[in-house]
Amino acid sequence: MILNLGNDTAIPTGSVVCIINAQNIGESKDSTAFINGLTKKCTVVHIDKTKETKSIIYAIHDDRHYLYYSIINPATLQKRGNNFTFNDLTEDI
């Protein structure tokens, strides 16, 4: 199954490691550190820089690590790809 992240960007649902609510990242030092660490090791893809990021998707496919910044709400992405577990990392990890 394919997960549409917006603006004609899609990834295999099986490659999704987690979906993070971007709105709540700053509320936890651990979540911020997690994203900062991923940013250093992943290819970062901004789906649409002109709109507010609502979700951050960490995925591994084609033997590479990706961090997608999407304008789509994390709950909507969960509904689209109901074959994986939804992780809202708003609490300490």
N, C-alpha and C. Protein backbone atom coordinates (compact mmCIF):
# COMPACT_ATOMS: atom_id res chain seq x y z
N MET A 1 0.84 -1.18 0.00
CA MET A 1 0.00 0.00 0.00
C MET A 1 0.89 1.24 0.00
N ILE A 2 0.42 2.29 -0.63
CA ILE A 2 1.15 3.54 -0.75
C ILE A 2 0.50 4.60 0.14
N LEU A 3 1.33 5.41 0.80
CA LEU A 3 0.86 6.49 1.63
C LEU A 3 1.17 7.82 0.95
N ASN A 4 0.13 8.57 0.62
CA ASN A 4 0.29 9.88 -0.03
C ASN A 4 0.57 10.91 1.04
N LEU A 5 1.72 11.59 0.93
CA LEU A 5 2.13 12.60 1.90
C LEU A 5 1.79 14.02 1.46
N GLY A 6 1.22 14.16 0.27
CA GLY A 6 0.85 15.46 -0.28
C GLY A 6 1.73 15.85 -1.45
N ASN A 7 1.21 16.72 -2.29
CA ASN A 7 1.95 17.23 -3.46
C ASN A 7 2.63 16.14 -4.28
N ASP A 8 1.89 15.10 -4.59
CA ASP A 8 2.39 14.01 -5.43
C ASP A 8 3.58 13.27 -4.84
N THR A 9 3.73 13.28 -3.53
CA THR A 9 4.78 12.53 -2.87
C THR A 9 4.13 11.35 -2.15
N ALA A 10 4.58 10.15 -2.47
CA ALA A 10 4.02 8.94 -1.87
C ALA A 10 5.15 7.98 -1.51
N ILE A 11 4.94 7.23 -0.44
CA ILE A 11 5.91 6.23 0.01
C ILE A 11 5.17 4.95 0.36
N PRO A 12 5.88 3.81 0.35
CA PRO A 12 5.23 2.56 0.77
C PRO A 12 4.90 2.62 2.27
N THR A 13 3.69 2.22 2.64
CA THR A 13 3.31 2.27 4.06
C THR A 13 4.22 1.41 4.92
N GLY A 14 4.73 0.33 4.38
CA GLY A 14 5.62 -0.54 5.13
C GLY A 14 6.94 0.10 5.49
N SER A 15 7.28 1.21 4.84
CA SER A 15 8.55 1.88 5.12
C SER A 15 8.43 2.88 6.26
N VAL A 16 7.21 3.18 6.70
CA VAL A 16 7.00 4.19 7.74
C VAL A 16 7.42 3.63 9.10
N VAL A 17 8.33 4.35 9.75
CA VAL A 17 8.75 3.98 11.10
C VAL A 17 7.86 4.69 12.11
N CYS A 18 7.62 5.98 11.89
CA CYS A 18 6.73 6.72 12.77
C CYS A 18 6.23 7.99 12.10
N ILE A 19 5.10 8.47 12.59
CA ILE A 19 4.52 9.75 12.18
C ILE A 19 4.44 10.60 13.44
N ILE A 20 4.98 11.79 13.36
CA ILE A 20 5.08 12.66 14.53
C ILE A 20 4.28 13.93 14.28
N ASN A 21 3.53 14.34 15.27
CA ASN A 21 2.78 15.58 15.18
C ASN A 21 3.76 16.74 15.30
N ALA A 22 3.99 17.45 14.21
CA ALA A 22 4.98 18.54 14.19
C ALA A 22 4.59 19.69 15.11
N GLN A 23 3.31 19.85 15.35
CA GLN A 23 2.82 20.95 16.18
C GLN A 23 3.31 20.82 17.63
N ASN A 24 3.62 19.60 18.07
CA ASN A 24 3.96 19.36 19.47
C ASN A 24 5.44 19.05 19.71
N ILE A 25 6.26 19.16 18.70
CA ILE A 25 7.67 18.79 18.84
C ILE A 25 8.37 19.62 19.93
N GLY A 26 8.13 20.90 19.98
CA GLY A 26 8.81 21.77 20.94
C GLY A 26 8.42 21.55 22.39
N GLU A 27 7.41 20.77 22.65
CA GLU A 27 6.93 20.55 24.01
C GLU A 27 7.79 19.57 24.79
N SER A 28 8.63 18.82 24.13
CA SER A 28 9.45 17.80 24.79
C SER A 28 10.89 17.90 24.32
N LYS A 29 11.81 17.96 25.27
CA LYS A 29 13.24 17.98 24.91
C LYS A 29 13.63 16.69 24.20
N ASP A 30 13.06 15.58 24.64
CA ASP A 30 13.39 14.30 24.03
C ASP A 30 12.91 14.22 22.58
N SER A 31 11.71 14.71 22.32
CA SER A 31 11.19 14.70 20.95
C SER A 31 12.04 15.60 20.05
N THR A 32 12.41 16.76 20.57
CA THR A 32 13.26 17.68 19.80
C THR A 32 14.60 17.04 19.51
N ALA A 33 15.19 16.39 20.51
CA ALA A 33 16.48 15.71 20.32
C ALA A 33 16.35 14.57 19.31
N PHE A 34 15.24 13.85 19.36
CA PHE A 34 14.98 12.75 18.43
C PHE A 34 14.95 13.26 17.00
N ILE A 35 14.20 14.34 16.76
CA ILE A 35 14.11 14.91 15.41
C ILE A 35 15.46 15.47 14.96
N ASN A 36 16.17 16.16 15.85
CA ASN A 36 17.48 16.70 15.50
C ASN A 36 18.45 15.58 15.12
N GLY A 37 18.41 14.47 15.85
CA GLY A 37 19.26 13.33 15.51
C GLY A 37 18.91 12.73 14.16
N LEU A 38 17.63 12.60 13.89
CA LEU A 38 17.20 12.06 12.60
C LEU A 38 17.59 12.99 11.45
N THR A 39 17.49 14.28 11.68
CA THR A 39 17.83 15.26 10.64
C THR A 39 19.28 15.08 10.19
N LYS A 40 20.15 14.71 11.11
CA LYS A 40 21.57 14.53 10.79
C LYS A 40 21.83 13.29 9.95
N LYS A 41 21.00 12.23 10.12
CA LYS A 41 21.28 10.98 9.41
C LYS A 41 20.34 10.69 8.25
N CYS A 42 19.31 11.49 8.08
CA CYS A 42 18.29 11.23 7.06
C CYS A 42 18.36 12.21 5.90
N THR A 43 17.82 11.79 4.78
CA THR A 43 17.53 12.71 3.70
C THR A 43 16.25 13.43 4.08
N VAL A 44 16.29 14.74 4.13
CA VAL A 44 15.14 15.54 4.55
C VAL A 44 14.39 16.02 3.31
N VAL A 45 13.06 15.76 3.31
CA VAL A 45 12.22 16.15 2.18
C VAL A 45 11.09 17.02 2.71
N HIS A 46 11.05 18.28 2.26
CA HIS A 46 9.95 19.18 2.61
C HIS A 46 8.92 19.09 1.49
N ILE A 47 7.73 18.58 1.83
CA ILE A 47 6.69 18.37 0.82
C ILE A 47 6.22 19.69 0.24
N ASP A 48 6.03 20.70 1.06
CA ASP A 48 5.58 22.03 0.60
C ASP A 48 6.07 23.08 1.58
N LYS A 49 7.13 23.78 1.19
CA LYS A 49 7.73 24.79 2.09
C LYS A 49 6.87 26.03 2.26
N THR A 50 5.85 26.19 1.42
CA THR A 50 5.02 27.39 1.49
C THR A 50 3.89 27.26 2.50
N LYS A 51 3.66 26.04 3.00
CA LYS A 51 2.58 25.82 3.96
C LYS A 51 3.14 25.26 5.26
N GLU A 52 2.36 25.36 6.31
CA GLU A 52 2.77 24.90 7.63
C GLU A 52 2.92 23.38 7.68
N THR A 53 4.03 22.92 8.23
CA THR A 53 4.23 21.48 8.42
C THR A 53 3.36 21.00 9.56
N LYS A 54 2.62 19.93 9.31
CA LYS A 54 1.75 19.35 10.33
C LYS A 54 2.27 18.00 10.81
N SER A 55 2.99 17.30 9.96
CA SER A 55 3.48 15.96 10.29
C SER A 55 4.93 15.81 9.88
N ILE A 56 5.64 15.02 10.66
CA ILE A 56 6.99 14.62 10.30
C ILE A 56 6.97 13.10 10.23
N ILE A 57 7.35 12.57 9.08
CA ILE A 57 7.29 11.14 8.85
C ILE A 57 8.71 10.61 8.71
N TYR A 58 9.06 9.67 9.56
CA TYR A 58 10.36 8.99 9.47
C TYR A 58 10.11 7.68 8.74
N ALA A 59 10.85 7.47 7.65
CA ALA A 59 10.66 6.27 6.84
C ALA A 59 12.01 5.74 6.37
N ILE A 60 12.04 4.44 6.15
CA ILE A 60 13.23 3.79 5.60
C ILE A 60 12.78 3.00 4.37
N HIS A 61 13.29 3.40 3.21
CA HIS A 61 13.01 2.65 1.98
C HIS A 61 14.16 2.85 1.02
N ASP A 62 14.29 1.93 0.11
CA ASP A 62 15.40 1.93 -0.85
C ASP A 62 16.75 2.01 -0.12
N ASP A 63 16.84 1.34 1.04
CA ASP A 63 18.06 1.30 1.86
C ASP A 63 18.54 2.68 2.31
N ARG A 64 17.62 3.62 2.42
CA ARG A 64 17.96 4.97 2.87
C ARG A 64 16.96 5.42 3.92
N HIS A 65 17.39 6.33 4.79
CA HIS A 65 16.53 6.91 5.82
C HIS A 65 16.03 8.26 5.34
N TYR A 66 14.73 8.51 5.53
CA TYR A 66 14.11 9.76 5.08
C TYR A 66 13.33 10.40 6.21
N LEU A 67 13.30 11.70 6.21
CA LEU A 67 12.47 12.48 7.12
C LEU A 67 11.64 13.41 6.23
N TYR A 68 10.34 13.14 6.18
CA TYR A 68 9.42 13.91 5.34
C TYR A 68 8.66 14.91 6.20
N TYR A 69 8.64 16.16 5.78
CA TYR A 69 7.86 17.20 6.44
C TYR A 69 6.62 17.42 5.59
N SER A 70 5.47 17.03 6.12
CA SER A 70 4.23 17.03 5.35
C SER A 70 3.24 18.08 5.87
N ILE A 71 2.40 18.55 4.98
CA ILE A 71 1.36 19.52 5.34
C ILE A 71 0.06 18.83 5.74
N ILE A 72 0.07 17.50 5.74
CA ILE A 72 -1.13 16.73 6.07
C ILE A 72 -1.12 16.37 7.55
N ASN A 73 -2.29 16.49 8.17
CA ASN A 73 -2.46 16.19 9.58
C ASN A 73 -2.06 14.74 9.88
N PRO A 74 -1.38 14.48 11.01
CA PRO A 74 -0.96 13.12 11.33
C PRO A 74 -2.13 12.13 11.44
N ALA A 75 -3.26 12.56 11.95
CA ALA A 75 -4.42 11.67 12.05
C ALA A 75 -4.93 11.27 10.67
N THR A 76 -4.88 12.17 9.72
CA THR A 76 -5.28 11.86 8.35
C THR A 76 -4.32 10.85 7.73
N LEU A 77 -3.03 11.02 7.98
CA LEU A 77 -2.06 10.06 7.46
C LEU A 77 -2.28 8.68 8.07
N GLN A 78 -2.62 8.65 9.35
CA GLN A 78 -2.89 7.38 10.00
C GLN A 78 -4.07 6.67 9.33
N LYS A 79 -5.12 7.43 9.05
CA LYS A 79 -6.29 6.83 8.40
C LYS A 79 -5.95 6.31 7.01
N ARG A 80 -5.09 7.04 6.31
CA ARG A 80 -4.70 6.62 4.96
C ARG A 80 -3.86 5.35 4.97
N GLY A 81 -3.05 5.20 5.97
CA GLY A 81 -2.17 4.03 6.02
C GLY A 81 -2.41 3.20 7.26
N ASN A 82 -3.60 2.70 7.40
CA ASN A 82 -4.01 2.02 8.62
C ASN A 82 -3.28 0.70 8.88
N ASN A 83 -2.28 0.38 8.09
CA ASN A 83 -1.52 -0.86 8.29
C ASN A 83 -0.33 -0.69 9.21
N PHE A 84 -0.12 0.51 9.76
CA PHE A 84 1.00 0.71 10.66
C PHE A 84 0.55 1.43 11.91
N THR A 85 1.40 1.44 12.92
CA THR A 85 1.07 2.05 14.20
C THR A 85 1.35 3.54 14.16
N PHE A 86 0.42 4.31 14.68
CA PHE A 86 0.54 5.76 14.73
C PHE A 86 1.26 6.15 16.00
N ASN A 87 2.31 6.95 15.87
CA ASN A 87 3.06 7.41 17.04
C ASN A 87 3.00 8.92 17.10
N ASP A 88 2.35 9.43 18.11
CA ASP A 88 2.33 10.86 18.34
C ASP A 88 3.29 11.12 19.48
N LEU A 89 4.49 11.55 19.14
CA LEU A 89 5.55 11.68 20.13
C LEU A 89 5.48 13.02 20.85
N THR A 90 4.37 13.27 21.52
CA THR A 90 4.23 14.51 22.25
C THR A 90 4.66 14.35 23.69
N GLU A 91 4.84 13.12 24.13
CA GLU A 91 5.30 12.85 25.48
C GLU A 91 6.76 12.47 25.44
N ASP A 92 7.41 12.47 26.57
CA ASP A 92 8.82 12.08 26.63
C ASP A 92 8.98 10.65 26.15
N ILE A 93 10.04 10.43 25.41
CA ILE A 93 10.32 9.10 24.85
C ILE A 93 11.00 8.26 25.91
